[in-house]
Amino acid sequence: MTDEAAEVAPGKAAMPEQPATDVRSRPTDATLELELVSSTDGAPITNGVVELIITPHTSAGIDATERIVQARTDPGGALRMPLAPCSLRIVAWSERASTRAFVELHEGETLFKRLVLIPTRAFRGCVVDALLGEPIPDAEVRIWTHSETDLVFTGPDGTFEHRRFPCTGKAQQVQVRAAGYGAAIRYLNIEKNGRWSALAALEGQPTARGEEDPWIEIVLVPERRLLGRVLDTQGLPIEDARVSAIGFVRVLPAVASREVAEGLTDENGTFELTGLRSDISHTLTIAAESFAEQSLQLADEEALEHDVGDVLLQWEASLSGLVHDASGYVVEDALVRIVPVMDKKKSHTGTRNRLDVAFPFPEGERVARTDAAGVFTFASLPTRSYRVSVERDDGPLVSTVVAQEMLAQEALTLRIPPECLVLEGEVRDGDKPVVDAIVRIRRFGHVASTRTGRDGRFRVSGLDDRAPYDIHAEWQTADGRRKYAENRVLAFEKALLIPRRNTESELARSGVR
């Protein structure tokens, strides 16, 4: 039988019911072939479930957009799936066994992978309301760090049983969601010998332990609903503004989990976000095209409905400028930082819950690097005054304040003071200068980068004489070969870089000892 794979949203689908032996997809140029076998007798796993979390490859690298596909193996335990080049996280399971793997699928490749399913342990538990102590039916329970879609549901009495916990000796996140509540996470660890522990979220709280029949209780707090309206400075509603709320809840003494709710404003500019925990603080961020992004800090509070009222978005402003050294040469790849100048520093007002991992109100700090012409640009800025600095790793080289009325009026010029050293160098291949070579300067990490000119020379400003810099050059020859050169010099020394594979006679002609 031939069928298509089921593409699912996390937490919104159970196991597919129909087996799939060969999965069709949109036009592809790679193929994944899987075989599922049992670790006990090597027999093929018929009708085993395979979950693929697919991260596509693009011309720019790896695309951060994921999609999840589920399918089942044929009677021989096999699954064949055409795919585009991608990174894959594979989770496979049967009734009481599972495993996972990570693979890269490249263009034109047919990749075969045999997955050995290891016996798992069942664990049980209950889900209860934090305020009333009553059981919560129909809650979704999944081993979130193992599989996105292998989930079970609580019964009328709030209890559940999940039969596929991997007994690897590593703690996994058990995630629970239910309508009308914020999500919760508990860490559970089951050893191969059956011993288990449910780790506490806070210092001083006891860790539940046992040697058989793992049991955990998970408490859900009622959800918080965030309401509001987004307007422009004229009081007109802004439709399709992106609204998101982010909070962090402690799940281990030194580990926090992020929760996010997102949405869009309607034609009246109103929005509503649900599913957030009501016992932690959140940062509400609003963004719309042609407007400056706005962020609000919302402290945790007892009210389950929080109306933020009208939020006014300002039209976006921009700030651009030029960076040059004391000799008038433009500076490429300089780090430029802008920080809003505020009359009164805003800070988080505190929290009543130890599980809340509060963080300071975002100050709108941004960074950029200058291009080959020494130019930097910041767009989508709120209209306010900013401190602009050109920096290196140990602090600012030059700094100034730009008043809000000067934004977008004229380009800013920043001059690095003469006491900062300028590194000059040259890249040569034999007796010829190398044009347009990429030159990277490093010292305990990236410092700057630039390109050579028509004479093979380069300049980097804003350096010091405290320690040598590692200079690395890379270029491509006319016949398509890549060449490299490197040197280590102090900033006041001239850096001469030649290919690694140059002969001794070429080195002699270049004057390098």
Protein backbone atom coordinates (compact mmCIF):
# COMPACT_ATOMS: atom_id res chain seq x y z
CA MET A 1 0.00 0.00 0.00
CA THR A 2 1.25 3.49 -0.80
CA ASP A 3 0.19 6.51 1.21
CA GLU A 4 1.37 9.99 2.08
CA ALA A 5 3.04 10.82 5.38
CA ALA A 6 0.99 12.73 7.89
CA GLU A 7 2.39 16.18 8.61
CA VAL A 8 1.33 17.14 12.12
CA ALA A 9 1.51 20.01 14.55
CA PRO A 10 3.12 19.20 17.92
CA GLY A 11 0.54 18.06 20.43
CA LYS A 12 -2.37 18.13 17.99
CA ALA A 13 -2.39 14.58 16.63
CA ALA A 14 -2.11 11.04 17.92
CA MET A 15 -0.52 8.13 16.03
CA PRO A 16 -1.54 7.71 12.38
CA GLU A 17 -3.91 4.81 11.83
CA GLN A 18 -2.96 3.72 8.31
CA PRO A 19 0.40 2.06 7.52
CA ALA A 20 2.59 3.71 4.91
CA THR A 21 5.26 1.80 3.02
CA ASP A 22 6.42 4.44 0.56
CA VAL A 23 5.93 8.10 1.33
CA ARG A 24 5.47 10.57 -1.52
CA SER A 25 6.51 14.18 -1.17
CA ARG A 26 6.99 17.24 -3.32
CA PRO A 27 9.85 17.03 -5.89
CA THR A 28 13.02 15.96 -4.09
CA ASP A 29 16.54 14.83 -4.84
CA ALA A 30 17.38 12.70 -1.78
CA THR A 31 15.92 9.58 -0.18
CA LEU A 32 15.80 8.27 3.37
CA GLU A 33 15.48 4.50 3.88
CA LEU A 34 14.81 3.23 7.40
CA GLU A 35 14.63 -0.25 8.87
CA LEU A 36 13.26 -0.77 12.39
CA VAL A 37 14.32 -3.89 14.30
CA SER A 38 13.93 -5.14 17.86
CA SER A 39 16.95 -5.15 20.19
CA THR A 40 15.80 -8.41 21.80
CA ASP A 41 15.56 -10.75 18.79
CA GLY A 42 16.40 -8.59 15.75
CA ALA A 43 12.92 -9.05 14.29
CA PRO A 44 11.54 -6.27 12.07
CA ILE A 45 9.13 -3.84 13.72
CA THR A 46 5.92 -3.99 11.69
CA ASN A 47 3.68 -0.91 11.75
CA GLY A 48 6.21 0.97 13.88
CA VAL A 49 5.74 4.72 14.18
CA VAL A 50 8.42 7.03 12.79
CA GLU A 51 8.46 10.73 13.65
CA LEU A 52 10.69 12.97 11.53
CA ILE A 53 11.52 16.49 12.66
CA ILE A 54 12.78 18.07 9.44
CA THR A 55 14.98 21.17 9.25
CA PRO A 56 15.51 21.99 5.53
CA HIS A 57 18.86 22.94 4.08
CA THR A 58 18.93 26.13 2.03
CA SER A 59 21.51 27.91 -0.09
CA ALA A 60 22.25 30.07 2.95
CA GLY A 61 22.76 27.07 5.25
CA ILE A 62 20.24 25.45 7.59
CA ASP A 63 16.72 26.87 7.66
CA ALA A 64 15.40 27.31 11.21
CA THR A 65 11.85 26.42 10.10
CA GLU A 66 10.97 22.90 11.23
CA ARG A 67 8.15 20.61 10.17
CA ILE A 68 7.09 17.30 11.69
CA VAL A 69 6.08 14.23 9.67
CA GLN A 70 4.75 10.91 10.97
CA ALA A 71 4.58 7.59 9.12
CA ARG A 72 4.52 3.84 9.79
CA THR A 73 6.75 1.00 8.63
CA ASP A 74 5.64 -1.79 6.29
CA PRO A 75 5.40 -5.51 7.25
CA GLY A 76 9.16 -5.81 6.76
CA GLY A 77 9.86 -2.98 9.19
CA ALA A 78 10.96 -0.63 6.38
CA LEU A 79 10.10 2.92 5.43
CA ARG A 80 11.24 4.76 2.31
CA MET A 81 10.79 8.52 2.10
CA PRO A 82 11.85 10.98 -0.64
CA LEU A 83 13.02 14.25 0.92
CA ALA A 84 14.85 17.42 0.06
CA PRO A 85 18.29 17.89 1.68
CA CYS A 86 17.75 18.48 5.39
CA SER A 87 18.78 17.82 8.97
CA LEU A 88 16.65 15.10 10.55
CA ARG A 89 15.81 14.16 14.11
CA ILE A 90 14.24 10.71 13.95
CA VAL A 91 12.19 9.14 16.73
CA ALA A 92 10.80 5.63 16.25
CA TRP A 93 8.64 3.59 18.58
CA SER A 94 6.41 0.56 18.90
CA GLU A 95 4.19 -0.46 21.82
CA ARG A 96 6.99 -0.84 24.40
CA ALA A 97 10.21 0.13 22.63
CA SER A 98 11.72 3.25 21.12
CA THR A 99 14.89 4.90 19.88
CA ARG A 100 16.02 8.10 18.18
CA ALA A 101 18.75 9.24 15.81
CA PHE A 102 20.14 12.37 14.18
CA VAL A 103 21.17 12.36 10.50
CA GLU A 104 22.04 14.78 7.69
CA LEU A 105 20.51 14.12 4.27
CA HIS A 106 22.48 15.62 1.39
CA GLU A 107 21.61 16.37 -2.22
CA GLY A 108 21.40 13.28 -4.43
CA GLU A 109 21.97 10.94 -1.49
CA THR A 110 20.11 7.73 -0.61
CA LEU A 111 20.72 7.24 3.09
CA PHE A 112 20.02 3.87 4.73
CA LYS A 113 19.65 3.76 8.51
CA ARG A 114 18.86 0.72 10.68
CA LEU A 115 17.24 1.72 13.95
CA VAL A 116 17.33 -0.72 16.86
CA LEU A 117 14.37 -0.17 19.18
CA ILE A 118 15.26 -0.56 22.85
CA PRO A 119 12.71 -1.70 25.46
CA THR A 120 11.10 1.16 27.38
CA ARG A 121 9.40 1.49 30.75
CA ALA A 122 5.90 2.66 31.50
CA PHE A 123 5.36 5.51 33.93
CA ARG A 124 2.14 6.73 35.45
CA GLY A 125 0.96 9.87 37.13
CA CYS A 126 -1.82 12.34 37.66
CA VAL A 127 -2.48 15.94 36.62
CA VAL A 128 -4.21 18.24 39.11
CA ASP A 129 -5.39 21.86 39.35
CA ALA A 130 -2.97 23.99 41.41
CA LEU A 131 -5.75 26.04 43.04
CA LEU A 132 -8.48 23.46 43.61
CA GLY A 133 -6.46 20.26 43.86
CA GLU A 134 -8.94 18.56 41.55
CA PRO A 135 -7.96 16.17 38.72
CA ILE A 136 -7.74 17.55 35.17
CA PRO A 137 -9.13 15.24 32.44
CA ASP A 138 -8.05 15.24 28.77
CA ALA A 139 -4.63 16.76 29.48
CA GLU A 140 -1.90 15.98 26.92
CA VAL A 141 1.19 14.22 28.32
CA ARG A 142 4.30 13.77 26.20
CA ILE A 143 7.98 13.03 26.74
CA TRP A 144 8.81 16.34 25.15
CA THR A 145 12.60 16.01 24.86
CA HIS A 146 12.20 12.59 23.21
CA SER A 147 9.24 12.93 20.86
CA GLU A 148 6.96 15.78 19.80
CA THR A 149 3.91 13.68 18.92
CA ASP A 150 4.00 10.48 21.03
CA LEU A 151 1.40 11.66 23.52
CA VAL A 152 -1.25 10.22 25.81
CA PHE A 153 -4.25 11.83 27.53
CA THR A 154 -5.41 11.84 31.13
CA GLY A 155 -8.65 10.06 32.00
CA PRO A 156 -11.65 11.44 33.91
CA ASP A 157 -9.74 10.99 37.19
CA GLY A 158 -6.73 12.94 35.88
CA THR A 159 -4.46 9.88 35.70
CA PHE A 160 -2.39 8.71 32.73
CA GLU A 161 0.00 5.96 31.64
CA HIS A 162 2.76 6.43 29.08
CA ARG A 163 4.45 3.17 28.06
CA ARG A 164 7.46 4.42 26.15
CA PHE A 165 9.84 6.23 28.49
CA PRO A 166 13.46 5.66 27.29
CA CYS A 167 15.48 4.00 30.07
CA THR A 168 18.81 5.62 29.20
CA GLY A 169 19.69 7.01 32.61
CA LYS A 170 19.21 10.55 31.27
CA ALA A 171 16.47 12.83 32.56
CA GLN A 172 13.75 13.69 30.06
CA GLN A 173 11.15 16.45 30.14
CA VAL A 174 7.58 15.32 30.70
CA GLN A 175 5.41 18.13 29.34
CA VAL A 176 1.71 18.51 30.16
CA ARG A 177 -0.82 20.80 28.48
CA ALA A 178 -4.55 21.22 29.06
CA ALA A 179 -7.18 23.65 27.82
CA GLY A 180 -7.53 26.58 30.21
CA TYR A 181 -4.15 26.03 31.88
CA GLY A 182 -0.54 27.01 31.44
CA ALA A 183 1.88 24.23 30.44
CA ALA A 184 4.04 22.46 33.04
CA ILE A 185 7.24 20.42 32.83
CA ARG A 186 8.71 17.82 35.19
CA TYR A 187 12.06 16.09 34.77
CA LEU A 188 11.90 12.29 35.09
CA ASN A 189 14.83 9.87 35.01
CA ILE A 190 14.46 6.08 34.74
CA GLU A 191 17.57 3.87 34.91
CA LYS A 192 17.97 0.59 33.04
CA ASN A 193 17.56 -1.28 36.34
CA GLY A 194 14.17 0.36 36.91
CA ARG A 195 15.18 2.91 39.53
CA TRP A 196 13.61 6.28 38.91
CA SER A 197 13.64 9.85 40.20
CA ALA A 198 11.40 12.85 39.58
CA LEU A 199 13.62 15.90 40.01
CA ALA A 200 12.47 18.93 42.00
CA ALA A 201 12.37 22.39 40.43
CA LEU A 202 13.60 24.32 43.49
CA GLU A 203 16.48 23.98 45.93
CA GLY A 204 15.35 22.34 49.15
CA GLN A 205 12.41 20.52 47.63
CA PRO A 206 12.55 16.71 47.92
CA THR A 207 13.22 14.54 44.88
CA ALA A 208 10.73 11.68 44.51
CA ARG A 209 12.49 8.32 44.10
CA GLY A 210 11.58 4.68 43.70
CA GLU A 211 12.66 1.30 42.34
CA GLU A 212 9.52 0.30 40.44
CA ASP A 213 6.30 1.74 39.04
CA PRO A 214 7.38 5.36 38.41
CA TRP A 215 4.68 7.81 39.48
CA ILE A 216 4.71 11.60 39.19
CA GLU A 217 2.20 14.31 40.00
CA ILE A 218 2.09 17.35 37.76
CA VAL A 219 0.34 20.52 38.88
CA LEU A 220 -1.12 22.96 36.35
CA VAL A 221 -1.88 26.60 37.12
CA PRO A 222 -4.84 28.32 35.41
CA GLU A 223 -3.90 30.17 32.24
CA ARG A 224 -3.44 33.91 32.01
CA ARG A 225 -5.23 35.75 29.21
CA LEU A 226 -3.57 38.89 27.86
CA LEU A 227 -5.82 41.43 26.16
CA GLY A 228 -5.10 44.77 24.57
CA ARG A 229 -5.35 47.07 21.60
CA VAL A 230 -2.58 48.39 19.33
CA LEU A 231 -2.91 51.94 17.94
CA ASP A 232 -0.74 54.40 16.07
CA THR A 233 0.07 57.86 17.42
CA GLN A 234 -3.12 59.21 15.81
CA GLY A 235 -5.26 56.72 17.73
CA LEU A 236 -6.03 54.57 14.68
CA PRO A 237 -6.02 50.77 15.06
CA ILE A 238 -3.13 48.77 13.58
CA GLU A 239 -4.21 45.52 11.96
CA ASP A 240 -1.96 42.42 11.71
CA ALA A 241 0.54 43.65 14.28
CA ARG A 242 2.58 40.73 15.63
CA VAL A 243 2.07 40.27 19.38
CA SER A 244 4.10 37.81 21.45
CA ALA A 245 4.51 37.13 25.16
CA ILE A 246 7.58 35.35 26.53
CA GLY A 247 8.16 34.09 30.06
CA PHE A 248 10.59 31.75 31.80
CA VAL A 249 9.67 29.21 34.47
CA ARG A 250 12.12 27.26 36.60
CA VAL A 251 12.02 23.50 35.94
CA LEU A 252 15.27 22.63 37.77
CA PRO A 253 17.24 24.74 40.26
CA ALA A 254 19.57 25.91 37.46
CA VAL A 255 17.33 25.34 34.41
CA ALA A 256 14.47 27.46 33.09
CA SER A 257 12.00 26.65 30.33
CA ARG A 258 10.66 29.30 27.96
CA GLU A 259 6.97 29.63 27.20
CA VAL A 260 5.66 31.68 24.28
CA ALA A 261 2.24 32.80 23.09
CA GLU A 262 1.83 34.63 19.77
CA GLY A 263 -0.93 36.23 17.75
CA LEU A 264 -2.00 39.03 15.38
CA THR A 265 -4.22 42.02 15.95
CA ASP A 266 -7.59 42.14 14.17
CA GLU A 267 -9.10 44.99 12.15
CA ASN A 268 -9.85 46.85 15.40
CA GLY A 269 -6.25 46.51 16.60
CA THR A 270 -7.26 44.17 19.43
CA PHE A 271 -5.45 41.00 20.44
CA GLU A 272 -5.86 38.13 22.89
CA LEU A 273 -3.14 35.69 23.98
CA THR A 274 -4.00 32.55 25.95
CA GLY A 275 -2.28 29.47 27.37
CA LEU A 276 0.27 31.38 29.48
CA ARG A 277 1.09 30.47 33.05
CA SER A 278 -0.54 32.89 35.47
CA ASP A 279 2.19 32.58 38.13
CA ILE A 280 5.17 34.05 36.22
CA SER A 281 6.04 37.37 34.61
CA HIS A 282 6.08 37.92 30.85
CA THR A 283 7.54 40.31 28.33
CA LEU A 284 4.96 41.47 25.80
CA THR A 285 6.45 42.50 22.44
CA ILE A 286 4.48 44.20 19.66
CA ALA A 287 5.82 44.75 16.13
CA ALA A 288 4.20 46.06 12.96
CA GLU A 289 5.47 47.08 9.55
CA SER A 290 6.72 50.71 9.42
CA PHE A 291 6.44 51.03 13.22
CA ALA A 292 9.05 50.79 15.94
CA GLU A 293 8.88 47.65 18.07
CA GLN A 294 7.41 48.10 21.56
CA SER A 295 8.05 45.93 24.65
CA LEU A 296 6.20 45.88 27.98
CA GLN A 297 7.10 44.01 31.16
CA LEU A 298 4.12 42.30 32.80
CA ALA A 299 4.68 41.18 36.39
CA ASP A 300 3.08 38.02 37.73
CA GLU A 301 -0.21 38.80 39.46
CA GLU A 302 -3.22 36.98 40.86
CA ALA A 303 -5.65 38.17 38.16
CA LEU A 304 -6.14 35.54 35.45
CA GLU A 305 -7.10 38.20 32.88
CA HIS A 306 -4.73 41.08 32.22
CA ASP A 307 -5.86 43.92 29.98
CA VAL A 308 -2.85 46.03 29.00
CA GLY A 309 -5.14 48.63 27.44
CA ASP A 310 -4.10 50.72 24.45
CA VAL A 311 -0.51 50.33 23.29
CA LEU A 312 0.72 53.16 21.04
CA LEU A 313 3.31 52.36 18.39
CA GLN A 314 5.56 55.11 17.09
CA TRP A 315 6.57 55.39 13.48
CA GLU A 316 9.98 53.82 13.01
CA ALA A 317 13.12 55.94 12.78
CA SER A 318 16.56 55.09 11.41
CA LEU A 319 20.12 55.96 12.32
CA SER A 320 23.08 55.61 9.98
CA GLY A 321 26.67 56.72 10.09
CA LEU A 322 30.26 56.36 8.96
CA VAL A 323 33.27 55.16 10.94
CA HIS A 324 36.81 56.19 9.96
CA ASP A 325 40.20 56.20 11.65
CA ALA A 326 42.41 59.15 12.54
CA SER A 327 43.97 59.13 9.06
CA GLY A 328 40.58 59.39 7.34
CA TYR A 329 40.39 55.78 6.13
CA VAL A 330 37.00 54.11 6.50
CA VAL A 331 36.85 51.24 9.01
CA GLU A 332 35.21 48.01 7.85
CA ASP A 333 33.63 45.48 10.26
CA ALA A 334 33.74 47.83 13.26
CA LEU A 335 31.32 46.94 16.06
CA VAL A 336 28.77 49.74 16.63
CA ARG A 337 26.43 49.66 19.62
CA ILE A 338 23.43 51.89 20.34
CA VAL A 339 21.68 52.12 23.71
CA PRO A 340 18.58 54.27 24.39
CA VAL A 341 19.15 57.20 26.73
CA MET A 342 16.35 56.97 29.30
CA ASP A 343 15.33 59.50 31.93
CA LYS A 344 14.55 56.81 34.45
CA LYS A 345 15.90 53.27 34.39
CA LYS A 346 13.13 50.70 34.23
CA SER A 347 13.55 47.46 36.10
CA HIS A 348 11.60 44.40 37.00
CA THR A 349 9.35 44.98 40.02
CA GLY A 350 9.93 41.60 41.63
CA THR A 351 8.01 38.36 41.76
CA ARG A 352 5.90 36.48 44.25
CA ASN A 353 6.74 33.05 42.83
CA ARG A 354 10.08 31.25 43.20
CA LEU A 355 9.43 29.42 39.93
CA ASP A 356 9.44 32.71 38.01
CA VAL A 357 12.76 33.46 36.33
CA ALA A 358 12.39 37.22 35.96
CA PHE A 359 14.68 39.23 33.73
CA PRO A 360 15.24 42.99 33.35
CA PHE A 361 13.09 45.15 31.15
CA PRO A 362 14.74 45.16 27.70
CA GLU A 363 16.52 48.46 27.09
CA GLY A 364 16.43 48.28 23.30
CA GLU A 365 20.19 47.85 22.92
CA ARG A 366 21.32 46.91 19.40
CA VAL A 367 24.59 46.17 17.65
CA ALA A 368 25.73 46.27 14.02
CA ARG A 369 28.96 46.16 12.05
CA THR A 370 30.18 48.56 9.41
CA ASP A 371 30.28 47.44 5.77
CA ALA A 372 33.16 47.74 3.31
CA ALA A 373 32.49 51.48 3.00
CA GLY A 374 32.59 51.96 6.79
CA VAL A 375 28.82 52.54 6.94
CA PHE A 376 26.42 51.24 9.59
CA THR A 377 22.61 51.45 9.69
CA PHE A 378 19.97 50.82 12.36
CA ALA A 379 16.34 50.67 11.21
CA SER A 380 12.96 50.35 12.97
CA LEU A 381 14.08 52.42 15.95
CA PRO A 382 11.74 54.09 18.43
CA THR A 383 12.07 57.88 18.30
CA ARG A 384 14.28 58.69 21.29
CA SER A 385 17.84 59.72 22.08
CA TYR A 386 20.62 57.13 21.76
CA ARG A 387 24.20 56.70 22.88
CA VAL A 388 26.24 55.42 19.92
CA SER A 389 29.61 53.72 20.50
CA VAL A 390 32.28 52.10 18.38
CA GLU A 391 33.72 49.29 20.49
CA ARG A 392 36.28 46.56 20.75
CA ASP A 393 36.41 43.71 23.27
CA ASP A 394 37.62 45.82 26.21
CA GLY A 395 35.27 48.79 25.82
CA PRO A 396 34.31 51.76 23.62
CA LEU A 397 36.80 53.49 21.32
CA VAL A 398 34.55 56.47 20.68
CA SER A 399 31.07 57.36 21.94
CA THR A 400 28.50 60.10 21.39
CA VAL A 401 24.83 60.87 22.09
CA VAL A 402 22.38 61.46 19.24
CA ALA A 403 19.28 63.45 20.24
CA GLN A 404 15.95 62.10 19.01
CA GLU A 405 15.30 65.14 16.81
CA MET A 406 18.51 64.32 14.88
CA LEU A 407 17.42 60.80 13.90
CA ALA A 408 17.22 60.26 10.12
CA GLN A 409 18.26 63.88 9.43
CA GLU A 410 21.89 63.32 8.53
CA ALA A 411 24.50 60.58 8.72
CA LEU A 412 26.62 60.42 11.85
CA THR A 413 30.42 60.44 11.52
CA LEU A 414 32.48 58.65 14.17
CA ARG A 415 36.26 59.06 14.22
CA ILE A 416 38.42 56.53 16.04
CA PRO A 417 41.04 58.46 18.06
CA PRO A 418 44.69 58.43 16.90
CA GLU A 419 45.94 56.59 20.01
CA CYS A 420 44.23 53.43 18.70
CA LEU A 421 46.62 51.42 16.54
CA VAL A 422 46.09 50.63 12.86
CA LEU A 423 47.24 47.27 11.50
CA GLU A 424 48.44 47.40 7.90
CA GLY A 425 49.18 44.35 5.81
CA GLU A 426 49.48 42.82 2.38
CA VAL A 427 48.46 39.50 0.83
CA ARG A 428 50.68 38.20 -2.00
CA ASP A 429 50.74 35.02 -4.04
CA GLY A 430 54.34 34.79 -5.16
CA ASP A 431 55.24 38.20 -6.58
CA LYS A 432 51.61 39.19 -7.33
CA PRO A 433 49.20 41.00 -4.99
CA VAL A 434 45.98 39.13 -4.15
CA VAL A 435 42.92 41.25 -4.90
CA ASP A 436 39.70 40.97 -2.87
CA ALA A 437 40.99 38.37 -0.42
CA ILE A 438 38.96 37.99 2.78
CA VAL A 439 41.12 38.92 5.77
CA ARG A 440 40.03 37.99 9.29
CA ILE A 441 41.70 39.30 12.43
CA ARG A 442 41.33 37.26 15.61
CA ARG A 443 42.56 37.33 19.18
CA PHE A 444 40.61 35.17 21.64
CA GLY A 445 37.75 35.33 19.15
CA HIS A 446 36.74 37.45 16.15
CA VAL A 447 37.99 41.06 16.21
CA ALA A 448 37.41 42.33 12.67
CA SER A 449 37.37 41.38 9.00
CA THR A 450 38.08 43.22 5.76
CA ARG A 451 39.14 42.64 2.13
CA THR A 452 42.29 43.48 0.25
CA GLY A 453 42.29 46.23 -2.36
CA ARG A 454 43.67 46.17 -5.91
CA ASP A 455 47.19 46.40 -4.53
CA GLY A 456 46.64 43.44 -2.18
CA ARG A 457 46.81 45.68 0.88
CA PHE A 458 44.44 46.00 3.85
CA ARG A 459 44.00 48.15 6.97
CA VAL A 460 42.25 47.48 10.29
CA SER A 461 41.80 50.25 12.88
CA GLY A 462 41.02 50.29 16.59
CA LEU A 463 43.59 47.73 17.75
CA ASP A 464 46.02 47.72 20.69
CA ASP A 465 49.52 46.44 21.46
CA ARG A 466 48.71 44.18 24.42
CA ALA A 467 49.12 40.88 22.53
CA PRO A 468 49.61 39.60 18.97
CA TYR A 469 46.74 39.16 16.52
CA ASP A 470 46.17 36.12 14.30
CA ILE A 471 45.68 37.20 10.67
CA HIS A 472 44.02 34.77 8.25
CA ALA A 473 43.49 35.39 4.52
CA GLU A 474 41.41 33.34 2.09
CA TRP A 475 40.79 33.71 -1.65
CA GLN A 476 39.91 31.80 -4.81
CA THR A 477 42.23 31.60 -7.81
CA ALA A 478 41.17 31.97 -11.44
CA ASP A 479 41.12 28.17 -11.88
CA GLY A 480 38.77 27.72 -8.91
CA ARG A 481 41.31 26.63 -6.28
CA ARG A 482 41.06 28.04 -2.76
CA LYS A 483 44.20 29.39 -1.13
CA TYR A 484 44.96 30.39 2.42
CA ALA A 485 47.59 32.40 4.22
CA GLU A 486 48.12 33.33 7.85
CA ASN A 487 50.47 35.20 10.13
CA ARG A 488 50.68 36.38 13.73
CA VAL A 489 51.77 39.97 14.32
CA LEU A 490 51.49 42.85 16.76
CA ALA A 491 49.31 45.76 15.68
CA PHE A 492 52.29 48.06 15.00
CA GLU A 493 53.99 45.47 12.75
CA LYS A 494 53.28 45.13 9.05
CA ALA A 495 51.51 41.85 8.27
CA LEU A 496 52.64 40.01 5.16
CA LEU A 497 50.57 36.97 4.21
CA ILE A 498 51.53 34.40 1.56
CA PRO A 499 49.93 31.05 0.62
CA ARG A 500 50.79 28.08 2.82
CA ARG A 501 51.92 26.01 -0.17
CA ASN A 502 54.42 28.54 -1.56
CA THR A 503 57.83 27.13 -2.37
CA GLU A 504 61.02 28.23 -0.64
CA SER A 505 62.04 30.16 -3.77
CA GLU A 506 58.74 32.09 -3.70
CA LEU A 507 59.26 32.84 -0.03
CA ALA A 508 62.74 34.13 -0.80
CA ARG A 509 61.44 36.38 -3.60
CA SER A 510 58.78 37.79 -1.27
CA GLY A 511 61.42 38.74 1.30
CA VAL A 512 59.95 36.60 4.09
CA ARG A 513 62.47 34.82 6.29
